[in-house]
């Protein structure tokens, strides 16, 4: 996934996710500043932390927005339930 205009949105399918291979397509520093989640349960925003597995209460249907430097690339990995 590429952040092309300072943000990127995604409709979440599973309740656990992580980001991998965060890099910048050019010689600048890669950065994801914030992740926001908007769903039926409400809205929350938090700072991105590398190597963290994020767990959402809603198991699907939330919109995730990743805010960061332009042309930051990353791989979104959705994980199955921890149960």
PDB file of N, CA and C in Angstrom:
ATOM      1  N   UNK A   1       0.848  -1.159   0.000  1.00  0.00           N
ATOM      2  CA  UNK A   1       0.000   0.000   0.000  1.00  0.00           C
ATOM      3  C   UNK A   1       0.904   1.235   0.000  1.00  0.00           C
ATOM      4  N   UNK A   2       0.492   2.257  -0.671  1.00  0.00           N
ATOM      5  CA  UNK A   2       1.239   3.510  -0.701  1.00  0.00           C
ATOM      6  C   UNK A   2       0.375   4.631  -0.148  1.00  0.00           C
ATOM      7  N   UNK A   3       0.961   5.482   0.683  1.00  0.00           N
ATOM      8  CA  UNK A   3       0.300   6.708   1.094  1.00  0.00           C
ATOM      9  C   UNK A   3       0.703   7.747   0.051  1.00  0.00           C
ATOM     10  N   UNK A   4      -0.231   8.157  -0.784  1.00  0.00           N
ATOM     11  CA  UNK A   4       0.106   9.051  -1.883  1.00  0.00           C
ATOM     12  C   UNK A   4      -0.243  10.513  -1.602  1.00  0.00           C
ATOM     13  N   UNK A   5      -1.267  10.778  -0.811  1.00  0.00           N
ATOM     14  CA  UNK A   5      -1.682  12.158  -0.559  1.00  0.00           C
ATOM     15  C   UNK A   5      -1.775  12.373   0.956  1.00  0.00           C
ATOM     16  N   UNK A   6      -0.786  11.982   1.678  1.00  0.00           N
ATOM     17  CA  UNK A   6      -0.681  12.119   3.135  1.00  0.00           C
ATOM     18  C   UNK A   6      -1.636  11.236   3.930  1.00  0.00           C
ATOM     19  N   UNK A   7      -2.478  10.445   3.255  1.00  0.00           N
ATOM     20  CA  UNK A   7      -3.312   9.489   3.981  1.00  0.00           C
ATOM     21  C   UNK A   7      -3.751   8.367   3.047  1.00  0.00           C
ATOM     22  N   UNK A   8      -4.174   7.259   3.633  1.00  0.00           N
ATOM     23  CA  UNK A   8      -4.657   6.098   2.883  1.00  0.00           C
ATOM     24  C   UNK A   8      -5.753   5.446   3.708  1.00  0.00           C
ATOM     25  N   UNK A   9      -6.864   5.076   3.083  1.00  0.00           N
ATOM     26  CA  UNK A   9      -8.002   4.489   3.788  1.00  0.00           C
ATOM     27  C   UNK A   9      -8.216   3.041   3.365  1.00  0.00           C
ATOM     28  N   UNK A  10      -8.762   2.251   4.284  1.00  0.00           N
ATOM     29  CA  UNK A  10      -8.953   0.826   4.043  1.00  0.00           C
ATOM     30  C   UNK A  10     -10.137   0.328   4.866  1.00  0.00           C
ATOM     31  N   UNK A  11     -10.981  -0.505   4.278  1.00  0.00           N
ATOM     32  CA  UNK A  11     -12.090  -1.133   4.991  1.00  0.00           C
ATOM     33  C   UNK A  11     -11.589  -2.432   5.612  1.00  0.00           C
ATOM     34  N   UNK A  12     -11.519  -2.459   6.930  1.00  0.00           N
ATOM     35  CA  UNK A  12     -10.942  -3.577   7.675  1.00  0.00           C
ATOM     36  C   UNK A  12     -11.844  -4.803   7.602  1.00  0.00           C
ATOM     37  N   UNK A  13     -11.214  -5.994   7.473  1.00  0.00           N
ATOM     38  CA  UNK A  13     -11.954  -7.249   7.373  1.00  0.00           C
ATOM     39  C   UNK A  13     -11.818  -8.111   8.625  1.00  0.00           C
ATOM     40  N   UNK A  14     -10.666  -8.051   9.286  1.00  0.00           N
ATOM     41  CA  UNK A  14     -10.430  -8.857  10.493  1.00  0.00           C
ATOM     42  C   UNK A  14     -10.136  -7.941  11.668  1.00  0.00           C
ATOM     43  N   UNK A  15     -10.200  -8.489  12.875  1.00  0.00           N
ATOM     44  CA  UNK A  15     -10.063  -7.626  14.051  1.00  0.00           C
ATOM     45  C   UNK A  15      -8.627  -7.439  14.544  1.00  0.00           C
ATOM     46  N   UNK A  16      -7.650  -8.113  13.937  1.00  0.00           N
ATOM     47  CA  UNK A  16      -6.246  -7.924  14.341  1.00  0.00           C
ATOM     48  C   UNK A  16      -5.429  -7.589  13.104  1.00  0.00           C
ATOM     49  N   UNK A  17      -4.516  -6.632  13.245  1.00  0.00           N
ATOM     50  CA  UNK A  17      -3.691  -6.245  12.105  1.00  0.00           C
ATOM     51  C   UNK A  17      -2.363  -5.689  12.570  1.00  0.00           C
ATOM     52  N   UNK A  18      -1.416  -5.691  11.653  1.00  0.00           N
ATOM     53  CA  UNK A  18      -0.104  -5.102  11.897  1.00  0.00           C
ATOM     54  C   UNK A  18       0.395  -4.517  10.583  1.00  0.00           C
ATOM     55  N   UNK A  19       1.392  -3.658  10.657  1.00  0.00           N
ATOM     56  CA  UNK A  19       2.010  -3.082   9.471  1.00  0.00           C
ATOM     57  C   UNK A  19       3.431  -3.606   9.364  1.00  0.00           C
ATOM     58  N   UNK A  20       3.846  -3.940   8.161  1.00  0.00           N
ATOM     59  CA  UNK A  20       5.191  -4.458   7.924  1.00  0.00           C
ATOM     60  C   UNK A  20       5.825  -3.713   6.761  1.00  0.00           C
ATOM     61  N   UNK A  21       7.139  -3.795   6.661  1.00  0.00           N
ATOM     62  CA  UNK A  21       7.891  -3.229   5.537  1.00  0.00           C
ATOM     63  C   UNK A  21       7.573  -1.758   5.289  1.00  0.00           C
ATOM     64  N   UNK A  22       7.541  -0.958   6.355  1.00  0.00           N
ATOM     65  CA  UNK A  22       7.276   0.477   6.208  1.00  0.00           C
ATOM     66  C   UNK A  22       8.533   1.134   5.645  1.00  0.00           C
ATOM     67  N   UNK A  23       8.397   1.749   4.470  1.00  0.00           N
ATOM     68  CA  UNK A  23       9.539   2.401   3.825  1.00  0.00           C
ATOM     69  C   UNK A  23       9.043   3.541   2.955  1.00  0.00           C
ATOM     70  N   UNK A  24       9.949   4.379   2.534  1.00  0.00           N
ATOM     71  CA  UNK A  24       9.620   5.509   1.677  1.00  0.00           C
ATOM     72  C   UNK A  24      10.107   5.210   0.276  1.00  0.00           C
ATOM     73  N   UNK A  25       9.299   5.524  -0.719  1.00  0.00           N
ATOM     74  CA  UNK A  25       9.648   5.221  -2.103  1.00  0.00           C
ATOM     75  C   UNK A  25      10.786   6.083  -2.615  1.00  0.00           C
ATOM     76  N   UNK A  26      11.038   7.191  -1.964  1.00  0.00           N
ATOM     77  CA  UNK A  26      12.124   8.080  -2.358  1.00  0.00           C
ATOM     78  C   UNK A  26      13.173   8.074  -1.243  1.00  0.00           C
ATOM     79  N   UNK A  27      14.093   8.991  -1.263  1.00  0.00           N
ATOM     80  CA  UNK A  27      15.192   9.009  -0.285  1.00  0.00           C
ATOM     81  C   UNK A  27      14.802   9.644   1.043  1.00  0.00           C
ATOM     82  N   UNK A  28      13.547  10.008   1.220  1.00  0.00           N
ATOM     83  CA  UNK A  28      13.104  10.649   2.465  1.00  0.00           C
ATOM     84  C   UNK A  28      12.750   9.601   3.516  1.00  0.00           C
ATOM     85  N   UNK A  29      12.555  10.045   4.721  1.00  0.00           N
ATOM     86  CA  UNK A  29      12.228   9.150   5.831  1.00  0.00           C
ATOM     87  C   UNK A  29      10.780   8.669   5.740  1.00  0.00           C
ATOM     88  N   UNK A  30      10.588   7.378   5.850  1.00  0.00           N
ATOM     89  CA  UNK A  30       9.242   6.811   5.882  1.00  0.00           C
ATOM     90  C   UNK A  30       8.592   7.142   7.209  1.00  0.00           C
ATOM     91  N   UNK A  31       7.294   7.410   7.173  1.00  0.00           N
ATOM     92  CA  UNK A  31       6.632   7.755   8.417  1.00  0.00           C
ATOM     93  C   UNK A  31       5.136   7.523   8.313  1.00  0.00           C
ATOM     94  N   UNK A  32       4.597   6.849   9.298  1.00  0.00           N
ATOM     95  CA  UNK A  32       3.157   6.785   9.503  1.00  0.00           C
ATOM     96  C   UNK A  32       2.939   7.429  10.863  1.00  0.00           C
ATOM     97  N   UNK A  33       2.275   8.555  10.879  1.00  0.00           N
ATOM     98  CA  UNK A  33       2.117   9.320  12.107  1.00  0.00           C
ATOM     99  C   UNK A  33       0.951   8.827  12.954  1.00  0.00           C
ATOM    100  N   UNK A  34      -0.143   8.470  12.300  1.00  0.00           N
ATOM    101  CA  UNK A  34      -1.360   8.187  13.037  1.00  0.00           C
ATOM    102  C   UNK A  34      -2.204   7.162  12.291  1.00  0.00           C
ATOM    103  N   UNK A  35      -2.938   6.377  13.058  1.00  0.00           N
ATOM    104  CA  UNK A  35      -3.928   5.460  12.508  1.00  0.00           C
ATOM    105  C   UNK A  35      -5.257   5.807  13.169  1.00  0.00           C
ATOM    106  N   UNK A  36      -6.284   6.014  12.369  1.00  0.00           N
ATOM    107  CA  UNK A  36      -7.605   6.275  12.943  1.00  0.00           C
ATOM    108  C   UNK A  36      -8.556   5.163  12.524  1.00  0.00           C
ATOM    109  N   UNK A  37      -9.493   4.868  13.404  1.00  0.00           N
ATOM    110  CA  UNK A  37     -10.467   3.807  13.188  1.00  0.00           C
ATOM    111  C   UNK A  37     -11.854   4.413  13.372  1.00  0.00           C
ATOM    112  N   UNK A  38     -12.712   4.197  12.379  1.00  0.00           N
ATOM    113  CA  UNK A  38     -14.077   4.722  12.436  1.00  0.00           C
ATOM    114  C   UNK A  38     -15.035   3.569  12.115  1.00  0.00           C
ATOM    115  N   UNK A  39     -15.913   3.244  13.088  1.00  0.00           N
ATOM    116  CA  UNK A  39     -16.874   2.158  12.875  1.00  0.00           C
ATOM    117  C   UNK A  39     -18.115   2.404  13.723  1.00  0.00           C
ATOM    118  N   UNK A  40     -19.012   1.422  13.752  1.00  0.00           N
ATOM    119  CA  UNK A  40     -20.257   1.575  14.506  1.00  0.00           C
ATOM    120  C   UNK A  40     -20.016   1.864  15.982  1.00  0.00           C
ATOM    121  N   UNK A  41     -18.931   1.320  16.532  1.00  0.00           N
ATOM    122  CA  UNK A  41     -18.640   1.513  17.951  1.00  0.00           C
ATOM    123  C   UNK A  41     -18.104   2.909  18.260  1.00  0.00           C
ATOM    124  N   UNK A  42     -17.709   3.664  17.228  1.00  0.00           N
ATOM    125  CA  UNK A  42     -17.209   5.014  17.446  1.00  0.00           C
ATOM    126  C   UNK A  42     -15.962   5.306  16.639  1.00  0.00           C
ATOM    127  N   UNK A  43     -15.196   6.282  17.124  1.00  0.00           N
ATOM    128  CA  UNK A  43     -13.992   6.746  16.440  1.00  0.00           C
ATOM    129  C   UNK A  43     -12.845   6.813  17.443  1.00  0.00           C
ATOM    130  N   UNK A  44     -11.673   6.377  17.025  1.00  0.00           N
ATOM    131  CA  UNK A  44     -10.483   6.483  17.856  1.00  0.00           C
ATOM    132  C   UNK A  44      -9.279   6.695  16.938  1.00  0.00           C
ATOM    133  N   UNK A  45      -8.303   7.466  17.414  1.00  0.00           N
ATOM    134  CA  UNK A  45      -7.060   7.679  16.672  1.00  0.00           C
ATOM    135  C   UNK A  45      -5.897   7.444  17.627  1.00  0.00           C
ATOM    136  N   UNK A  46      -4.818   6.886  17.099  1.00  0.00           N
ATOM    137  CA  UNK A  46      -3.650   6.627  17.937  1.00  0.00           C
ATOM    138  C   UNK A  46      -2.392   6.704  17.099  1.00  0.00           C
ATOM    139  N   UNK A  47      -1.264   6.893  17.762  1.00  0.00           N
ATOM    140  CA  UNK A  47       0.027   6.967  17.085  1.00  0.00           C
ATOM    141  C   UNK A  47       0.462   5.576  16.643  1.00  0.00           C
ATOM    142  N   UNK A  48       1.050   5.517  15.471  1.00  0.00           N
ATOM    143  CA  UNK A  48       1.587   4.260  14.949  1.00  0.00           C
ATOM    144  C   UNK A  48       2.807   3.846  15.768  1.00  0.00           C
ATOM    145  N   UNK A  49       2.885   2.565  16.114  1.00  0.00           N
ATOM    146  CA  UNK A  49       4.042   2.000  16.804  1.00  0.00           C
ATOM    147  C   UNK A  49       4.520   0.787  16.017  1.00  0.00           C
ATOM    148  N   UNK A  50       5.778   0.795  15.563  1.00  0.00           N
ATOM    149  CA  UNK A  50       6.301  -0.334  14.790  1.00  0.00           C
ATOM    150  C   UNK A  50       6.206  -1.655  15.568  1.00  0.00           C
ATOM    151  N   UNK A  51       6.017  -2.735  14.840  1.00  0.00           N
ATOM    152  CA  UNK A  51       5.995  -4.101  15.393  1.00  0.00           C
ATOM    153  C   UNK A  51       4.843  -4.363  16.359  1.00  0.00           C
ATOM    154  N   UNK A  52       3.835  -3.522  16.334  1.00  0.00           N
ATOM    155  CA  UNK A  52       2.692  -3.699  17.227  1.00  0.00           C
ATOM    156  C   UNK A  52       1.566  -4.414  16.482  1.00  0.00           C
ATOM    157  N   UNK A  53       0.874  -5.303  17.174  1.00  0.00           N
ATOM    158  CA  UNK A  53      -0.335  -5.921  16.631  1.00  0.00           C
ATOM    159  C   UNK A  53      -1.513  -5.168  17.234  1.00  0.00           C
ATOM    160  N   UNK A  54      -2.307  -4.563  16.366  1.00  0.00           N
ATOM    161  CA  UNK A  54      -3.472  -3.791  16.800  1.00  0.00           C
ATOM    162  C   UNK A  54      -4.680  -4.711  16.807  1.00  0.00           C
ATOM    163  N   UNK A  55      -5.457  -4.645  17.875  1.00  0.00           N
ATOM    164  CA  UNK A  55      -6.651  -5.472  17.997  1.00  0.00           C
ATOM    165  C   UNK A  55      -7.859  -4.553  18.141  1.00  0.00           C
ATOM    166  N   UNK A  56      -8.840  -4.745  17.256  1.00  0.00           N
ATOM    167  CA  UNK A  56     -10.039  -3.924  17.246  1.00  0.00           C
ATOM    168  C   UNK A  56     -11.209  -4.720  17.793  1.00  0.00           C
ATOM    169  N   UNK A  57     -12.101  -4.044  18.517  1.00  0.00           N
ATOM    170  CA  UNK A  57     -13.261  -4.726  19.090  1.00  0.00           C
ATOM    171  C   UNK A  57     -14.207  -5.210  18.001  1.00  0.00           C
ATOM    172  N   UNK A  58     -14.354  -4.444  16.924  1.00  0.00           N
ATOM    173  CA  UNK A  58     -15.235  -4.809  15.820  1.00  0.00           C
ATOM    174  C   UNK A  58     -14.486  -5.743  14.876  1.00  0.00           C
ATOM    175  N   UNK A  59     -15.084  -6.862  14.478  1.00  0.00           N
ATOM    176  CA  UNK A  59     -14.396  -7.857  13.655  1.00  0.00           C
ATOM    177  C   UNK A  59     -14.473  -7.580  12.161  1.00  0.00           C
ATOM    178  N   UNK A  60     -14.945  -6.440  11.770  1.00  0.00           N
ATOM    179  CA  UNK A  60     -15.016  -6.095  10.351  1.00  0.00           C
ATOM    180  C   UNK A  60     -15.912  -4.903  10.140  1.00  0.00           C
ATOM    181  N   UNK A  61     -15.668  -4.200   9.055  1.00  0.00           N
ATOM    182  CA  UNK A  61     -16.520  -3.074   8.721  1.00  0.00           C
ATOM    183  C   UNK A  61     -16.047  -1.727   9.221  1.00  0.00           C
ATOM    184  N   UNK A  62     -14.885  -1.662   9.837  1.00  0.00           N
ATOM    185  CA  UNK A  62     -14.342  -0.380  10.274  1.00  0.00           C
ATOM    186  C   UNK A  62     -13.477   0.214   9.167  1.00  0.00           C
ATOM    187  N   UNK A  63     -13.523   1.524   9.027  1.00  0.00           N
ATOM    188  CA  UNK A  63     -12.631   2.217   8.101  1.00  0.00           C
ATOM    189  C   UNK A  63     -11.378   2.624   8.848  1.00  0.00           C
ATOM    190  N   UNK A  64     -10.229   2.213   8.325  1.00  0.00           N
ATOM    191  CA  UNK A  64      -8.936   2.579   8.899  1.00  0.00           C
ATOM    192  C   UNK A  64      -8.328   3.657   8.015  1.00  0.00           C
ATOM    193  N   UNK A  65      -7.788   4.688   8.633  1.00  0.00           N
ATOM    194  CA  UNK A  65      -7.089   5.735   7.892  1.00  0.00           C
ATOM    195  C   UNK A  65      -5.673   5.826   8.430  1.00  0.00           C
ATOM    196  N   UNK A  66      -4.710   5.730   7.524  1.00  0.00           N
ATOM    197  CA  UNK A  66      -3.295   5.814   7.868  1.00  0.00           C
ATOM    198  C   UNK A  66      -2.790   7.170   7.394  1.00  0.00           C
ATOM    199  N   UNK A  67      -2.272   7.971   8.314  1.00  0.00           N
ATOM    200  CA  UNK A  67      -1.807   9.318   7.992  1.00  0.00           C
ATOM    201  C   UNK A  67      -0.298   9.348   8.148  1.00  0.00           C
ATOM    202  N   UNK A  68       0.386   9.866   7.131  1.00  0.00           N
ATOM    203  CA  UNK A  68       1.843   9.896   7.186  1.00  0.00           C
ATOM    204  C   UNK A  68       2.448  10.690   6.050  1.00  0.00           C
ATOM    205  N   UNK A  69       3.766  10.555   5.895  1.00  0.00           N
ATOM    206  CA  UNK A  69       4.473  11.228   4.812  1.00  0.00           C
ATOM    207  C   UNK A  69       4.015  10.687   3.466  1.00  0.00           C
ATOM    208  N   UNK A  70       4.008  11.567   2.483  1.00  0.00           N
ATOM    209  CA  UNK A  70       3.662  11.146   1.127  1.00  0.00           C
ATOM    210  C   UNK A  70       4.629  10.075   0.641  1.00  0.00           C
ATOM    211  N   UNK A  71       4.124   9.155  -0.109  1.00  0.00           N
ATOM    212  CA  UNK A  71       4.856   8.070  -0.762  1.00  0.00           C
ATOM    213  C   UNK A  71       5.495   7.106   0.255  1.00  0.00           C
ATOM    214  N   UNK A  72       4.966   7.044   1.449  1.00  0.00           N
ATOM    215  CA  UNK A  72       5.368   6.004   2.390  1.00  0.00           C
ATOM    216  C   UNK A  72       4.697   4.710   1.957  1.00  0.00           C
ATOM    217  N   UNK A  73       5.457   3.644   1.907  1.00  0.00           N
ATOM    218  CA  UNK A  73       4.921   2.337   1.526  1.00  0.00           C
ATOM    219  C   UNK A  73       4.901   1.425   2.742  1.00  0.00           C
ATOM    220  N   UNK A  74       3.890   0.566   2.782  1.00  0.00           N
ATOM    221  CA  UNK A  74       3.804  -0.393   3.867  1.00  0.00           C
ATOM    222  C   UNK A  74       2.952  -1.566   3.420  1.00  0.00           C
ATOM    223  N   UNK A  75       3.074  -2.651   4.158  1.00  0.00           N
ATOM    224  CA  UNK A  75       2.258  -3.839   3.910  1.00  0.00           C
ATOM    225  C   UNK A  75       1.327  -3.999   5.104  1.00  0.00           C
ATOM    226  N   UNK A  76       0.025  -4.007   4.849  1.00  0.00           N
ATOM    227  CA  UNK A  76      -0.979  -4.216   5.873  1.00  0.00           C
ATOM    228  C   UNK A  76      -1.245  -5.711   5.976  1.00  0.00           C
ATOM    229  N   UNK A  77      -1.075  -6.267   7.176  1.00  0.00           N
ATOM    230  CA  UNK A  77      -1.283  -7.696   7.391  1.00  0.00           C
ATOM    231  C   UNK A  77      -2.448  -7.867   8.360  1.00  0.00           C
ATOM    232  N   UNK A  78      -3.528  -8.445   7.860  1.00  0.00           N
ATOM    233  CA  UNK A  78      -4.673  -8.722   8.734  1.00  0.00           C
ATOM    234  C   UNK A  78      -4.520 -10.138   9.277  1.00  0.00           C
ATOM    235  N   UNK A  79      -4.708 -10.282  10.569  1.00  0.00           N
ATOM    236  CA  UNK A  79      -4.494 -11.556  11.260  1.00  0.00           C
ATOM    237  C   UNK A  79      -5.823 -12.108  11.732  1.00  0.00           C
ATOM    238  N   UNK A  80      -5.892 -13.411  11.899  1.00  0.00           N
ATOM    239  CA  UNK A  80      -7.080 -14.039  12.438  1.00  0.00           C
ATOM    240  C   UNK A  80      -7.221 -13.743  13.926  1.00  0.00           C
ATOM    241  N   UNK A  81      -8.285 -14.156  14.492  1.00  0.00           N
ATOM    242  CA  UNK A  81      -8.551 -13.938  15.908  1.00  0.00           C
ATOM    243  C   UNK A  81      -7.508 -14.626  16.777  1.00  0.00           C
ATOM    244  N   UNK A  82      -7.205 -14.030  17.932  1.00  0.00           N
ATOM    245  CA  UNK A  82      -6.233 -14.593  18.859  1.00  0.00           C
ATOM    246  C   UNK A  82      -6.825 -15.729  19.679  1.00  0.00           C
ATOM    247  N   UNK A  83      -8.096 -15.977  19.551  1.00  0.00           N
ATOM    248  CA  UNK A  83      -8.773 -17.005  20.348  1.00  0.00           C
ATOM    249  C   UNK A  83      -8.339 -18.388  19.956  1.00  0.00           C
TER     250      UNK A  83
END
